[in-house]
């Protein structure tokens, strides 16, 4: 049965006079809390009392929730993990477990998996991620960097090999220069001798 706006207003006032809570009224008349409060305020002229009723109902509902559900609500309200642990007086490992569940339910479970996989390497991963963002690298850039890194390692090995080879050649050159000087000295000594 569909009620007109005036009939709904009368029903809201009647239910409020019967002592029904705003939540109960909302279920019966299918209206928002705000609209119900407006109707009651219009009737009683007391805006503060209906707002207090809403706040009181919220507090009662909050107290009736389990720590698990409270933590979910706090995560939804963007509270930090440490605040959740403090306010609910629960262990950090429990907060992390509940947060993991929360992320999975909000379809962010890939973050949980990545975090679990990274464990102690998370700071390194975060540094790499921030550097990639700062340098505005895309997948192709990263692939090329890794390929170039491998090429660079190969080039380093080649440079090391050629440096060793140059060292050997310089050593041979030095020995040959010494031999030439020795032979030149002998030749100079023979020049001073008269042939027979």
Protein backbone atom coordinates (compact mmCIF):
# COMPACT_ATOMS: atom_id res chain seq x y z
CA UNK A 1 0.00 0.00 0.00
CA UNK A 2 1.40 3.37 -1.05
CA UNK A 3 1.05 6.28 1.31
CA UNK A 4 0.92 9.92 0.34
CA UNK A 5 3.49 12.32 1.73
CA UNK A 6 1.05 13.64 4.36
CA UNK A 7 0.06 10.10 5.39
CA UNK A 8 3.74 9.20 5.80
CA UNK A 9 4.31 12.29 7.94
CA UNK A 10 1.35 11.38 10.17
CA UNK A 11 2.61 7.82 10.47
CA UNK A 12 6.11 9.03 11.40
CA UNK A 13 4.71 11.28 14.13
CA UNK A 14 2.42 8.50 15.41
CA UNK A 15 5.32 5.99 15.55
CA UNK A 16 7.58 8.54 17.25
CA UNK A 17 4.87 9.18 19.87
CA UNK A 18 4.66 5.42 20.43
CA UNK A 19 8.35 5.52 21.38
CA UNK A 20 9.75 3.87 18.26
CA UNK A 21 13.37 4.61 17.42
CA UNK A 22 14.28 6.45 14.25
CA UNK A 23 15.74 3.22 12.86
CA UNK A 24 12.50 1.36 13.52
CA UNK A 25 10.47 4.16 11.96
CA UNK A 26 12.72 4.15 8.89
CA UNK A 27 12.11 0.42 8.40
CA UNK A 28 8.37 0.83 8.63
CA UNK A 29 7.84 3.92 6.47
CA UNK A 30 10.87 3.41 4.17
CA UNK A 31 12.29 6.89 4.64
CA UNK A 32 15.75 8.23 5.39
CA UNK A 33 16.78 9.18 8.91
CA UNK A 34 17.21 12.78 7.77
CA UNK A 35 13.66 13.00 6.42
CA UNK A 36 12.23 11.40 9.56
CA UNK A 37 14.14 13.87 11.73
CA UNK A 38 12.82 16.78 9.68
CA UNK A 39 9.24 15.60 10.20
CA UNK A 40 9.73 15.09 13.95
CA UNK A 41 11.51 18.44 14.29
CA UNK A 42 8.74 20.16 12.40
CA UNK A 43 6.21 18.63 14.78
CA UNK A 44 8.13 19.20 18.02
CA UNK A 45 10.23 22.18 17.02
CA UNK A 46 13.20 20.49 18.71
CA UNK A 47 16.01 19.79 16.27
CA UNK A 48 18.60 18.93 18.90
CA UNK A 49 16.64 16.10 20.53
CA UNK A 50 16.12 14.17 17.29
CA UNK A 51 19.78 14.64 16.39
CA UNK A 52 20.69 13.37 19.85
CA UNK A 53 18.45 10.36 19.27
CA UNK A 54 20.30 9.58 16.03
CA UNK A 55 23.66 9.92 17.79
CA UNK A 56 22.48 7.77 20.67
CA UNK A 57 21.28 5.08 18.26
CA UNK A 58 24.63 5.16 16.47
CA UNK A 59 26.47 4.76 19.77
CA UNK A 60 24.22 1.90 20.83
CA UNK A 61 24.73 0.16 17.54
CA UNK A 62 28.52 0.71 17.79
CA UNK A 63 28.61 -0.82 21.26
CA UNK A 64 26.67 -3.86 20.08
CA UNK A 65 29.18 -4.62 17.29
CA UNK A 66 31.96 -7.16 17.75
CA UNK A 67 35.58 -5.90 17.73
CA UNK A 68 35.88 -7.48 14.27
CA UNK A 69 32.95 -5.45 12.91
CA UNK A 70 34.14 -2.30 14.69
CA UNK A 71 37.56 -2.69 13.07
CA UNK A 72 35.90 -3.01 9.66
CA UNK A 73 33.96 0.19 10.27
CA UNK A 74 37.11 1.99 11.38
CA UNK A 75 38.97 0.83 8.26
CA UNK A 76 36.03 2.04 6.20
CA UNK A 77 36.30 5.39 8.00
CA UNK A 78 40.01 5.54 6.96
CA UNK A 79 41.40 5.11 10.48
CA UNK A 80 45.05 4.07 10.63
CA UNK A 81 45.90 0.57 11.84
CA UNK A 82 47.58 1.78 15.03
CA UNK A 83 44.46 3.74 16.03
CA UNK A 84 42.31 0.65 15.45
CA UNK A 85 44.58 -1.45 17.68
CA UNK A 86 44.53 1.20 20.42
CA UNK A 87 40.82 1.98 20.37
CA UNK A 88 39.73 -1.66 20.25
CA UNK A 89 42.55 -2.82 22.54
CA UNK A 90 43.56 -5.71 20.29
CA UNK A 91 46.95 -7.11 19.23
CA UNK A 92 48.65 -5.77 16.12
CA UNK A 93 48.68 -9.25 14.53
CA UNK A 94 44.90 -9.41 14.98
CA UNK A 95 44.49 -5.95 13.44
CA UNK A 96 46.61 -7.04 10.45
CA UNK A 97 44.51 -10.19 10.01
CA UNK A 98 41.26 -8.21 10.14
CA UNK A 99 42.69 -5.61 7.76
CA UNK A 100 43.67 -8.38 5.36
CA UNK A 101 40.07 -9.63 5.42
CA UNK A 102 38.80 -6.07 4.91
CA UNK A 103 41.03 -5.56 1.87
CA UNK A 104 39.94 -8.88 0.37
CA UNK A 105 36.30 -7.94 0.80
CA UNK A 106 36.91 -4.58 -0.82
CA UNK A 107 38.63 -6.36 -3.73
CA UNK A 108 42.07 -5.13 -2.80
CA UNK A 109 43.35 -8.60 -1.94
CA UNK A 110 46.11 -8.26 -4.54
CA UNK A 111 47.75 -5.76 -2.14
CA UNK A 112 47.58 -8.31 0.65
CA UNK A 113 49.20 -10.94 -1.56
CA UNK A 114 51.94 -8.57 -2.70
CA UNK A 115 52.63 -7.46 0.87
CA UNK A 116 52.79 -11.07 2.08
CA UNK A 117 55.16 -11.96 -0.75
CA UNK A 118 57.44 -8.96 -0.14
CA UNK A 119 57.67 -9.24 3.65
CA UNK A 120 61.09 -7.79 4.59
CA UNK A 121 61.72 -6.46 1.06
CA UNK A 122 58.79 -4.04 1.27
CA UNK A 123 60.97 -0.93 1.88
CA UNK A 124 63.10 -1.81 -1.17
CA UNK A 125 59.97 -2.36 -3.26
CA UNK A 126 58.53 0.96 -2.09
CA UNK A 127 61.79 2.74 -2.95
CA UNK A 128 61.78 1.17 -6.42
CA UNK A 129 58.12 2.07 -6.94
CA UNK A 130 58.68 5.70 -5.94
CA UNK A 131 61.74 5.92 -8.20
CA UNK A 132 59.76 4.52 -11.14
CA UNK A 133 57.01 7.09 -10.54
CA UNK A 134 59.54 9.92 -10.19
CA UNK A 135 61.27 8.95 -13.45
CA UNK A 136 57.88 8.32 -15.11
CA UNK A 137 58.94 4.91 -16.37
CA UNK A 138 56.53 2.60 -18.16
CA UNK A 139 56.71 -1.17 -18.71
CA UNK A 140 58.75 -0.78 -21.89
CA UNK A 141 61.27 1.52 -20.16
CA UNK A 142 61.69 -0.94 -17.30
CA UNK A 143 62.17 -3.86 -19.70
CA UNK A 144 64.79 -1.91 -21.63
CA UNK A 145 66.56 -0.92 -18.42
CA UNK A 146 66.81 -4.53 -17.32
CA UNK A 147 68.02 -5.64 -20.73
CA UNK A 148 70.58 -2.83 -20.77
CA UNK A 149 71.68 -3.81 -17.27
CA UNK A 150 72.48 -7.30 -18.57
CA UNK A 151 74.32 -5.82 -21.53
CA UNK A 152 76.21 -3.53 -19.15
CA UNK A 153 77.31 -6.52 -17.09
CA UNK A 154 78.56 -8.20 -20.27
CA UNK A 155 80.38 -5.00 -21.25
CA UNK A 156 81.98 -4.80 -17.80
CA UNK A 157 83.32 -8.32 -18.26
CA UNK A 158 84.66 -7.39 -21.69
CA UNK A 159 86.31 -4.23 -20.30
CA UNK A 160 87.90 -6.29 -17.54
CA UNK A 161 89.19 -8.82 -20.09
CA UNK A 162 90.64 -6.09 -22.33
CA UNK A 163 92.17 -4.28 -19.35
CA UNK A 164 93.94 -7.51 -18.41
CA UNK A 165 95.04 -7.96 -22.00
CA UNK A 166 96.35 -4.37 -22.13
CA UNK A 167 98.25 -4.94 -18.91
CA UNK A 168 99.93 -8.00 -20.41
CA UNK A 169 100.76 -6.09 -23.60
CA UNK A 170 102.20 -3.16 -21.61
CA UNK A 171 104.26 -5.63 -19.62
CA UNK A 172 105.58 -7.17 -22.84
CA UNK A 173 106.27 -3.72 -24.25
CA UNK A 174 108.20 -2.77 -21.12
CA UNK A 175 110.25 -5.98 -21.31
CA UNK A 176 110.94 -5.36 -24.99
CA UNK A 177 111.99 -1.77 -24.29
CA UNK A 178 114.34 -3.05 -21.61
CA UNK A 179 115.75 -5.57 -24.06
CA UNK A 180 116.21 -2.85 -26.71
CA UNK A 181 118.03 -0.63 -24.19
CA UNK A 182 120.28 -3.52 -23.21
CA UNK A 183 121.04 -4.29 -26.84
CA UNK A 184 121.60 -0.58 -27.62
CA UNK A 185 124.02 -0.40 -24.73
CA UNK A 186 125.93 -3.38 -26.11
CA UNK A 187 125.98 -1.84 -29.56
CA UNK A 188 127.31 1.42 -28.10
CA UNK A 189 130.04 -0.55 -26.31
CA UNK A 190 131.04 -2.27 -29.57
CA UNK A 191 131.26 1.03 -31.46
CA UNK A 192 134.19 2.10 -29.29
CA UNK A 193 136.22 -1.03 -30.20
CA UNK A 194 138.37 -0.88 -33.34
CA UNK A 195 138.00 -3.75 -35.65
CA UNK A 196 141.21 -5.72 -36.30
